[in-house]
Amino acid sequence: MLTTGSPAPEMVLADTTGRTVRLGDFRGRGAVLMYFLRSTTCPICTRHARELAARAEEYAAADVHVLLVVPEDRATAAAWRARHRIAYPVLTGPHGRPHGTVGLGRRVFGTMQQSGTLLVDTHGVVRHAHGATLPTAGYDRTGVTAAIAALRTPVGS
């Protein structure tokens, strides 16, 4: 998993319409909170996505863009987004493995996809990184909230 204070990798993902989304495109435009779902079939991950949606005004006020990242293909991601009425962009990655870009691999004999949260500031620096094998721990609300509050503080201060 990435570490706080490190530069974020240049991620190139696609949204559910096929539009290319680059993490670097957000530099200078605000912070980016990425939630990597274990799977679109994971009810706990869906609950976390709904919690993120419920806090949309809070994130917007803090100038934080929220992106949801799924390991499935674009059609599956689009169906999940529509079924759950998700307003945030839902992204997929190269070869259906965007999670590996940030160090969220498959654990437990290579079968269980990790989930996690990543907050990248407007300068492209990782301000929070958290991964978990169990889906209940994938969305670190406490850590994300603290990291967003600290965005006005330079890394290392």
N, C-alpha and C. Protein backbone atom coordinates (compact mmCIF):
# COMPACT_ATOMS: atom_id res chain seq x y z
N MET A 1 0.85 -1.18 0.00
CA MET A 1 0.00 0.00 0.00
C MET A 1 0.89 1.24 0.00
N LEU A 2 0.42 2.28 -0.61
CA LEU A 2 1.14 3.54 -0.65
C LEU A 2 1.28 4.09 0.77
N THR A 3 2.22 4.99 0.96
CA THR A 3 2.43 5.56 2.28
C THR A 3 2.15 7.06 2.26
N THR A 4 1.72 7.58 3.39
CA THR A 4 1.46 9.00 3.54
C THR A 4 2.74 9.79 3.28
N GLY A 5 2.61 10.84 2.50
CA GLY A 5 3.74 11.69 2.16
C GLY A 5 4.42 11.31 0.85
N SER A 6 4.08 10.17 0.29
CA SER A 6 4.68 9.75 -0.98
C SER A 6 3.89 10.33 -2.14
N PRO A 7 4.53 10.47 -3.29
CA PRO A 7 3.78 10.93 -4.45
C PRO A 7 2.80 9.84 -4.90
N ALA A 8 1.62 10.25 -5.30
CA ALA A 8 0.63 9.30 -5.81
C ALA A 8 1.06 8.81 -7.19
N PRO A 9 0.80 7.56 -7.50
CA PRO A 9 1.13 7.07 -8.84
C PRO A 9 0.22 7.72 -9.87
N GLU A 10 0.68 7.78 -11.08
CA GLU A 10 -0.17 8.31 -12.15
C GLU A 10 -1.12 7.20 -12.57
N MET A 11 -2.34 7.31 -12.14
CA MET A 11 -3.35 6.30 -12.46
C MET A 11 -4.18 6.77 -13.64
N VAL A 12 -4.39 5.86 -14.57
CA VAL A 12 -5.25 6.13 -15.71
C VAL A 12 -6.36 5.09 -15.66
N LEU A 13 -7.57 5.57 -15.41
CA LEU A 13 -8.73 4.70 -15.26
C LEU A 13 -9.80 5.14 -16.26
N ALA A 14 -10.90 4.41 -16.32
CA ALA A 14 -12.00 4.77 -17.21
C ALA A 14 -13.29 4.80 -16.40
N ASP A 15 -14.14 5.79 -16.70
CA ASP A 15 -15.43 5.82 -16.01
C ASP A 15 -16.41 4.91 -16.73
N THR A 16 -17.63 4.87 -16.25
CA THR A 16 -18.61 3.93 -16.78
C THR A 16 -19.06 4.26 -18.20
N THR A 17 -18.71 5.44 -18.69
CA THR A 17 -19.03 5.78 -20.09
C THR A 17 -17.83 5.55 -21.01
N GLY A 18 -16.71 5.17 -20.44
CA GLY A 18 -15.51 4.93 -21.23
C GLY A 18 -14.56 6.12 -21.26
N ARG A 19 -14.95 7.21 -20.64
CA ARG A 19 -14.09 8.41 -20.60
C ARG A 19 -12.87 8.13 -19.73
N THR A 20 -11.71 8.54 -20.20
CA THR A 20 -10.47 8.37 -19.46
C THR A 20 -10.40 9.36 -18.32
N VAL A 21 -10.04 8.88 -17.13
CA VAL A 21 -9.88 9.72 -15.95
C VAL A 21 -8.48 9.49 -15.42
N ARG A 22 -7.69 10.55 -15.36
CA ARG A 22 -6.32 10.48 -14.85
C ARG A 22 -6.26 11.16 -13.49
N LEU A 23 -5.63 10.52 -12.55
CA LEU A 23 -5.49 11.13 -11.23
C LEU A 23 -4.78 12.47 -11.34
N GLY A 24 -3.79 12.56 -12.20
CA GLY A 24 -3.05 13.80 -12.38
C GLY A 24 -3.90 14.96 -12.87
N ASP A 25 -5.03 14.67 -13.50
CA ASP A 25 -5.91 15.74 -13.98
C ASP A 25 -6.50 16.56 -12.84
N PHE A 26 -6.46 16.03 -11.62
CA PHE A 26 -7.03 16.74 -10.47
C PHE A 26 -6.01 17.65 -9.78
N ARG A 27 -4.75 17.55 -10.15
CA ARG A 27 -3.74 18.40 -9.51
C ARG A 27 -4.10 19.86 -9.70
N GLY A 28 -4.06 20.59 -8.60
CA GLY A 28 -4.42 21.99 -8.63
C GLY A 28 -5.92 22.25 -8.60
N ARG A 29 -6.72 21.21 -8.63
CA ARG A 29 -8.18 21.35 -8.65
C ARG A 29 -8.83 20.87 -7.37
N GLY A 30 -8.05 20.45 -6.39
CA GLY A 30 -8.60 19.94 -5.14
C GLY A 30 -8.05 18.56 -4.85
N ALA A 31 -8.41 18.06 -3.69
CA ALA A 31 -7.95 16.74 -3.28
C ALA A 31 -8.85 15.68 -3.91
N VAL A 32 -8.37 14.43 -3.89
CA VAL A 32 -9.13 13.31 -4.44
C VAL A 32 -9.19 12.20 -3.39
N LEU A 33 -10.41 11.79 -3.08
CA LEU A 33 -10.63 10.65 -2.20
C LEU A 33 -11.08 9.49 -3.06
N MET A 34 -10.30 8.43 -3.05
CA MET A 34 -10.63 7.24 -3.84
C MET A 34 -11.00 6.12 -2.88
N TYR A 35 -12.16 5.53 -3.12
CA TYR A 35 -12.56 4.35 -2.35
C TYR A 35 -12.53 3.17 -3.31
N PHE A 36 -11.69 2.21 -3.01
CA PHE A 36 -11.53 1.01 -3.81
C PHE A 36 -12.42 -0.08 -3.22
N LEU A 37 -13.51 -0.37 -3.90
CA LEU A 37 -14.44 -1.40 -3.44
C LEU A 37 -13.85 -2.78 -3.68
N ARG A 38 -14.14 -3.69 -2.80
CA ARG A 38 -13.72 -5.07 -2.97
C ARG A 38 -14.40 -5.65 -4.20
N SER A 39 -15.67 -5.31 -4.38
CA SER A 39 -16.46 -5.84 -5.49
C SER A 39 -17.79 -5.10 -5.51
N THR A 40 -18.40 -5.02 -6.68
CA THR A 40 -19.73 -4.43 -6.77
C THR A 40 -20.79 -5.34 -6.15
N THR A 41 -20.45 -6.59 -5.89
CA THR A 41 -21.39 -7.52 -5.24
C THR A 41 -21.23 -7.53 -3.73
N CYS A 42 -20.31 -6.74 -3.20
CA CYS A 42 -20.07 -6.70 -1.76
C CYS A 42 -21.05 -5.72 -1.11
N PRO A 43 -21.99 -6.22 -0.28
CA PRO A 43 -22.96 -5.31 0.33
C PRO A 43 -22.32 -4.32 1.29
N ILE A 44 -21.24 -4.68 1.93
CA ILE A 44 -20.56 -3.76 2.85
C ILE A 44 -19.91 -2.62 2.06
N CYS A 45 -19.30 -2.95 0.94
CA CYS A 45 -18.70 -1.92 0.09
C CYS A 45 -19.77 -0.97 -0.45
N THR A 46 -20.92 -1.51 -0.80
CA THR A 46 -22.03 -0.68 -1.27
C THR A 46 -22.50 0.24 -0.15
N ARG A 47 -22.57 -0.28 1.05
CA ARG A 47 -22.95 0.56 2.20
C ARG A 47 -21.94 1.69 2.38
N HIS A 48 -20.65 1.39 2.24
CA HIS A 48 -19.63 2.43 2.36
C HIS A 48 -19.80 3.48 1.25
N ALA A 49 -20.10 3.04 0.05
CA ALA A 49 -20.31 3.98 -1.06
C ALA A 49 -21.50 4.89 -0.77
N ARG A 50 -22.54 4.34 -0.18
CA ARG A 50 -23.70 5.16 0.19
C ARG A 50 -23.35 6.16 1.28
N GLU A 51 -22.50 5.75 2.22
CA GLU A 51 -22.06 6.69 3.26
C GLU A 51 -21.27 7.84 2.64
N LEU A 52 -20.40 7.51 1.70
CA LEU A 52 -19.66 8.56 1.00
C LEU A 52 -20.64 9.51 0.30
N ALA A 53 -21.67 8.96 -0.32
CA ALA A 53 -22.67 9.79 -1.00
C ALA A 53 -23.42 10.68 0.00
N ALA A 54 -23.71 10.16 1.17
CA ALA A 54 -24.41 10.94 2.19
C ALA A 54 -23.56 12.12 2.68
N ARG A 55 -22.25 12.01 2.53
CA ARG A 55 -21.36 13.07 2.99
C ARG A 55 -20.88 13.96 1.84
N ALA A 56 -21.58 13.91 0.72
CA ALA A 56 -21.17 14.64 -0.49
C ALA A 56 -20.98 16.14 -0.25
N GLU A 57 -21.88 16.76 0.48
CA GLU A 57 -21.77 18.20 0.73
C GLU A 57 -20.53 18.52 1.56
N GLU A 58 -20.25 17.68 2.54
CA GLU A 58 -19.07 17.86 3.38
C GLU A 58 -17.79 17.77 2.54
N TYR A 59 -17.73 16.78 1.66
CA TYR A 59 -16.54 16.63 0.81
C TYR A 59 -16.42 17.79 -0.17
N ALA A 60 -17.52 18.21 -0.75
CA ALA A 60 -17.49 19.33 -1.69
C ALA A 60 -17.02 20.60 -0.99
N ALA A 61 -17.48 20.83 0.23
CA ALA A 61 -17.06 22.02 0.99
C ALA A 61 -15.57 22.00 1.30
N ALA A 62 -15.01 20.81 1.43
CA ALA A 62 -13.58 20.67 1.70
C ALA A 62 -12.76 20.59 0.40
N ASP A 63 -13.41 20.77 -0.75
CA ASP A 63 -12.77 20.71 -2.06
C ASP A 63 -12.15 19.33 -2.31
N VAL A 64 -12.92 18.30 -1.97
CA VAL A 64 -12.47 16.91 -2.16
C VAL A 64 -13.37 16.25 -3.21
N HIS A 65 -12.74 15.73 -4.26
CA HIS A 65 -13.44 14.99 -5.30
C HIS A 65 -13.43 13.52 -4.91
N VAL A 66 -14.58 12.86 -4.98
CA VAL A 66 -14.69 11.45 -4.60
C VAL A 66 -14.80 10.60 -5.86
N LEU A 67 -13.98 9.56 -5.90
CA LEU A 67 -14.00 8.60 -7.00
C LEU A 67 -14.14 7.20 -6.40
N LEU A 68 -15.01 6.39 -6.96
CA LEU A 68 -15.17 5.02 -6.53
C LEU A 68 -14.52 4.12 -7.57
N VAL A 69 -13.73 3.17 -7.12
CA VAL A 69 -12.98 2.31 -8.04
C VAL A 69 -13.39 0.86 -7.80
N VAL A 70 -13.76 0.17 -8.87
CA VAL A 70 -14.20 -1.22 -8.77
C VAL A 70 -13.29 -2.11 -9.60
N PRO A 71 -13.15 -3.39 -9.21
CA PRO A 71 -12.29 -4.29 -9.96
C PRO A 71 -12.97 -4.93 -11.17
N GLU A 72 -14.27 -4.73 -11.35
CA GLU A 72 -14.98 -5.36 -12.45
C GLU A 72 -14.86 -4.54 -13.74
N ASP A 73 -15.45 -5.05 -14.80
CA ASP A 73 -15.43 -4.37 -16.09
C ASP A 73 -16.40 -3.19 -16.10
N ARG A 74 -16.31 -2.41 -17.16
CA ARG A 74 -17.08 -1.18 -17.26
C ARG A 74 -18.60 -1.43 -17.26
N ALA A 75 -19.07 -2.46 -17.95
CA ALA A 75 -20.50 -2.75 -18.00
C ALA A 75 -21.03 -3.11 -16.61
N THR A 76 -20.29 -3.91 -15.87
CA THR A 76 -20.70 -4.28 -14.52
C THR A 76 -20.71 -3.05 -13.62
N ALA A 77 -19.69 -2.21 -13.76
CA ALA A 77 -19.60 -0.98 -12.96
C ALA A 77 -20.77 -0.04 -13.27
N ALA A 78 -21.12 0.07 -14.56
CA ALA A 78 -22.22 0.95 -14.95
C ALA A 78 -23.55 0.44 -14.40
N ALA A 79 -23.76 -0.86 -14.44
CA ALA A 79 -25.01 -1.43 -13.92
C ALA A 79 -25.10 -1.22 -12.41
N TRP A 80 -24.00 -1.42 -11.70
CA TRP A 80 -23.98 -1.21 -10.25
C TRP A 80 -24.26 0.25 -9.91
N ARG A 81 -23.61 1.16 -10.64
CA ARG A 81 -23.80 2.59 -10.41
C ARG A 81 -25.26 2.99 -10.60
N ALA A 82 -25.87 2.51 -11.68
CA ALA A 82 -27.27 2.84 -11.96
C ALA A 82 -28.21 2.22 -10.92
N ARG A 83 -27.97 0.96 -10.57
CA ARG A 83 -28.84 0.27 -9.62
C ARG A 83 -28.85 0.95 -8.25
N HIS A 84 -27.69 1.47 -7.84
CA HIS A 84 -27.58 2.09 -6.52
C HIS A 84 -27.63 3.62 -6.57
N ARG A 85 -27.86 4.16 -7.76
CA ARG A 85 -27.99 5.61 -7.94
C ARG A 85 -26.80 6.36 -7.36
N ILE A 86 -25.63 5.93 -7.75
CA ILE A 86 -24.38 6.53 -7.27
C ILE A 86 -24.08 7.76 -8.12
N ALA A 87 -23.94 8.90 -7.48
CA ALA A 87 -23.66 10.15 -8.21
C ALA A 87 -22.18 10.31 -8.53
N TYR A 88 -21.31 9.72 -7.73
CA TYR A 88 -19.87 9.85 -7.95
C TYR A 88 -19.43 9.06 -9.18
N PRO A 89 -18.33 9.48 -9.80
CA PRO A 89 -17.79 8.66 -10.88
C PRO A 89 -17.37 7.29 -10.34
N VAL A 90 -17.69 6.26 -11.11
CA VAL A 90 -17.28 4.89 -10.79
C VAL A 90 -16.29 4.49 -11.88
N LEU A 91 -15.11 4.11 -11.43
CA LEU A 91 -14.00 3.86 -12.36
C LEU A 91 -13.56 2.41 -12.36
N THR A 92 -13.06 2.00 -13.51
CA THR A 92 -12.44 0.70 -13.67
C THR A 92 -11.03 0.93 -14.19
N GLY A 93 -10.22 -0.09 -14.12
CA GLY A 93 -8.84 0.11 -14.50
C GLY A 93 -8.35 -0.88 -15.52
N PRO A 94 -7.07 -0.79 -15.78
CA PRO A 94 -6.49 -1.68 -16.78
C PRO A 94 -6.66 -3.15 -16.39
N HIS A 95 -7.18 -3.91 -17.33
CA HIS A 95 -7.33 -5.36 -17.15
C HIS A 95 -8.16 -5.70 -15.91
N GLY A 96 -9.05 -4.79 -15.47
CA GLY A 96 -9.89 -5.04 -14.31
C GLY A 96 -9.14 -5.10 -13.00
N ARG A 97 -7.92 -4.56 -12.98
CA ARG A 97 -7.09 -4.64 -11.77
C ARG A 97 -6.58 -3.28 -11.31
N PRO A 98 -7.44 -2.28 -11.17
CA PRO A 98 -6.96 -0.96 -10.74
C PRO A 98 -6.42 -0.95 -9.31
N HIS A 99 -6.85 -1.89 -8.50
CA HIS A 99 -6.45 -1.93 -7.09
C HIS A 99 -4.94 -2.17 -6.94
N GLY A 100 -4.38 -2.94 -7.83
CA GLY A 100 -2.95 -3.24 -7.76
C GLY A 100 -2.09 -2.01 -7.93
N THR A 101 -2.60 -0.98 -8.58
CA THR A 101 -1.86 0.26 -8.79
C THR A 101 -1.47 0.92 -7.47
N VAL A 102 -2.30 0.73 -6.44
CA VAL A 102 -2.03 1.34 -5.14
C VAL A 102 -1.64 0.32 -4.08
N GLY A 103 -1.41 -0.91 -4.50
CA GLY A 103 -0.95 -1.94 -3.56
C GLY A 103 -2.05 -2.73 -2.88
N LEU A 104 -3.27 -2.66 -3.42
CA LEU A 104 -4.37 -3.44 -2.86
C LEU A 104 -4.53 -4.71 -3.69
N GLY A 105 -3.86 -5.75 -3.29
CA GLY A 105 -3.88 -6.99 -4.04
C GLY A 105 -4.94 -7.95 -3.56
N ARG A 106 -4.77 -9.16 -3.96
CA ARG A 106 -5.65 -10.25 -3.51
C ARG A 106 -4.92 -10.99 -2.40
N ARG A 107 -5.61 -11.21 -1.30
CA ARG A 107 -5.04 -11.89 -0.15
C ARG A 107 -5.79 -13.19 0.11
N VAL A 108 -5.42 -13.89 1.12
CA VAL A 108 -6.00 -15.15 1.51
C VAL A 108 -5.99 -16.10 0.30
N PHE A 109 -4.80 -16.59 0.02
CA PHE A 109 -4.57 -17.52 -1.09
C PHE A 109 -4.94 -16.92 -2.45
N GLY A 110 -4.81 -15.62 -2.56
CA GLY A 110 -5.05 -14.94 -3.83
C GLY A 110 -6.50 -14.85 -4.25
N THR A 111 -7.43 -15.07 -3.34
CA THR A 111 -8.83 -15.06 -3.72
C THR A 111 -9.62 -13.86 -3.23
N MET A 112 -9.18 -13.20 -2.17
CA MET A 112 -9.97 -12.12 -1.59
C MET A 112 -9.38 -10.76 -1.94
N GLN A 113 -10.11 -10.00 -2.75
CA GLN A 113 -9.68 -8.67 -3.17
C GLN A 113 -9.72 -7.72 -1.99
N GLN A 114 -8.62 -6.98 -1.77
CA GLN A 114 -8.61 -5.98 -0.71
C GLN A 114 -9.39 -4.75 -1.15
N SER A 115 -9.92 -4.02 -0.18
CA SER A 115 -10.56 -2.74 -0.43
C SER A 115 -9.77 -1.69 0.35
N GLY A 116 -10.03 -0.42 0.08
CA GLY A 116 -9.29 0.60 0.82
C GLY A 116 -9.63 2.00 0.38
N THR A 117 -9.03 2.95 1.10
CA THR A 117 -9.23 4.36 0.82
C THR A 117 -7.89 5.04 0.59
N LEU A 118 -7.91 6.03 -0.28
CA LEU A 118 -6.72 6.79 -0.61
C LEU A 118 -7.13 8.25 -0.76
N LEU A 119 -6.43 9.14 -0.05
CA LEU A 119 -6.67 10.57 -0.18
C LEU A 119 -5.39 11.20 -0.72
N VAL A 120 -5.53 11.87 -1.85
CA VAL A 120 -4.40 12.52 -2.51
C VAL A 120 -4.68 14.01 -2.52
N ASP A 121 -3.71 14.80 -2.06
CA ASP A 121 -3.95 16.25 -2.01
C ASP A 121 -3.82 16.89 -3.39
N THR A 122 -4.06 18.17 -3.46
CA THR A 122 -4.07 18.89 -4.73
C THR A 122 -2.71 18.92 -5.43
N HIS A 123 -1.65 18.59 -4.68
CA HIS A 123 -0.30 18.56 -5.25
C HIS A 123 0.11 17.15 -5.67
N GLY A 124 -0.78 16.17 -5.51
CA GLY A 124 -0.46 14.81 -5.91
C GLY A 124 0.26 14.01 -4.85
N VAL A 125 0.17 14.44 -3.60
CA VAL A 125 0.84 13.77 -2.48
C VAL A 125 -0.19 12.96 -1.71
N VAL A 126 0.15 11.73 -1.38
CA VAL A 126 -0.74 10.86 -0.61
C VAL A 126 -0.84 11.41 0.81
N ARG A 127 -2.05 11.70 1.25
CA ARG A 127 -2.27 12.21 2.60
C ARG A 127 -2.90 11.16 3.52
N HIS A 128 -3.45 10.11 2.93
CA HIS A 128 -4.02 9.01 3.70
C HIS A 128 -4.08 7.79 2.79
N ALA A 129 -3.64 6.66 3.30
CA ALA A 129 -3.73 5.40 2.56
C ALA A 129 -4.07 4.29 3.55
N HIS A 130 -5.09 3.54 3.22
CA HIS A 130 -5.55 2.47 4.11
C HIS A 130 -6.10 1.33 3.27
N GLY A 131 -5.64 0.13 3.58
CA GLY A 131 -6.14 -1.05 2.89
C GLY A 131 -6.56 -2.10 3.89
N ALA A 132 -7.48 -2.96 3.48
CA ALA A 132 -7.98 -4.00 4.37
C ALA A 132 -8.42 -5.21 3.57
N THR A 133 -8.18 -6.37 4.12
CA THR A 133 -8.65 -7.60 3.48
C THR A 133 -10.13 -7.81 3.76
N LEU A 134 -10.57 -7.52 4.98
CA LEU A 134 -11.99 -7.65 5.31
C LEU A 134 -12.73 -6.39 4.87
N PRO A 135 -13.83 -6.51 4.17
CA PRO A 135 -14.52 -5.34 3.65
C PRO A 135 -15.02 -4.38 4.72
N THR A 136 -15.28 -4.87 5.92
CA THR A 136 -15.77 -3.98 6.98
C THR A 136 -14.76 -2.90 7.33
N ALA A 137 -13.49 -3.14 7.04
CA ALA A 137 -12.44 -2.19 7.40
C ALA A 137 -11.91 -1.41 6.19
N GLY A 138 -12.49 -1.60 5.01
CA GLY A 138 -11.97 -0.96 3.81
C GLY A 138 -12.14 0.54 3.75
N TYR A 139 -13.24 1.03 4.30
CA TYR A 139 -13.48 2.47 4.33
C TYR A 139 -13.14 2.96 5.72
N ASP A 140 -12.03 3.66 5.84
CA ASP A 140 -11.53 4.16 7.12
C ASP A 140 -12.06 5.57 7.35
N ARG A 141 -13.31 5.68 7.79
CA ARG A 141 -13.95 6.99 7.94
C ARG A 141 -13.18 7.89 8.90
N THR A 142 -12.73 7.36 10.02
CA THR A 142 -12.01 8.16 11.00
C THR A 142 -10.71 8.70 10.40
N GLY A 143 -9.96 7.83 9.75
CA GLY A 143 -8.71 8.26 9.13
C GLY A 143 -8.92 9.25 8.01
N VAL A 144 -9.93 9.03 7.19
CA VAL A 144 -10.23 9.94 6.09
C VAL A 144 -10.65 11.30 6.63
N THR A 145 -11.50 11.31 7.63
CA THR A 145 -11.96 12.57 8.22
C THR A 145 -10.79 13.37 8.77
N ALA A 146 -9.89 12.71 9.49
CA ALA A 146 -8.71 13.39 10.04
C ALA A 146 -7.79 13.89 8.93
N ALA A 147 -7.62 13.10 7.90
CA ALA A 147 -6.74 13.51 6.79
C ALA A 147 -7.32 14.69 6.03
N ILE A 148 -8.63 14.72 5.84
CA ILE A 148 -9.26 15.86 5.17
C ILE A 148 -9.11 17.11 6.02
N ALA A 149 -9.30 16.97 7.33
CA ALA A 149 -9.14 18.12 8.22
C ALA A 149 -7.71 18.65 8.18
N ALA A 150 -6.75 17.78 7.96
CA ALA A 150 -5.34 18.18 7.95
C ALA A 150 -4.85 18.63 6.58
N LEU A 151 -5.72 18.66 5.59
CA LEU A 151 -5.27 19.04 4.24
C LEU A 151 -4.65 20.44 4.18
N ARG A 152 -5.03 21.29 5.06
CA ARG A 152 -4.48 22.65 5.05
C ARG A 152 -3.08 22.70 5.68
N THR A 153 -2.64 21.57 6.26
CA THR A 153 -1.32 21.49 6.88
C THR A 153 -0.36 20.79 5.93
N PRO A 154 0.78 21.39 5.60
CA PRO A 154 1.74 20.71 4.72
C PRO A 154 2.21 19.39 5.32
N VAL A 155 2.46 18.40 4.44
CA VAL A 155 2.96 17.11 4.88
C VAL A 155 4.28 17.31 5.62
N GLY A 156 4.45 16.68 6.78
CA GLY A 156 5.66 16.77 7.56
C GLY A 156 5.67 17.87 8.60
N SER A 157 4.58 18.68 8.65
CA SER A 157 4.52 19.77 9.64
C SER A 157 3.96 19.29 10.94
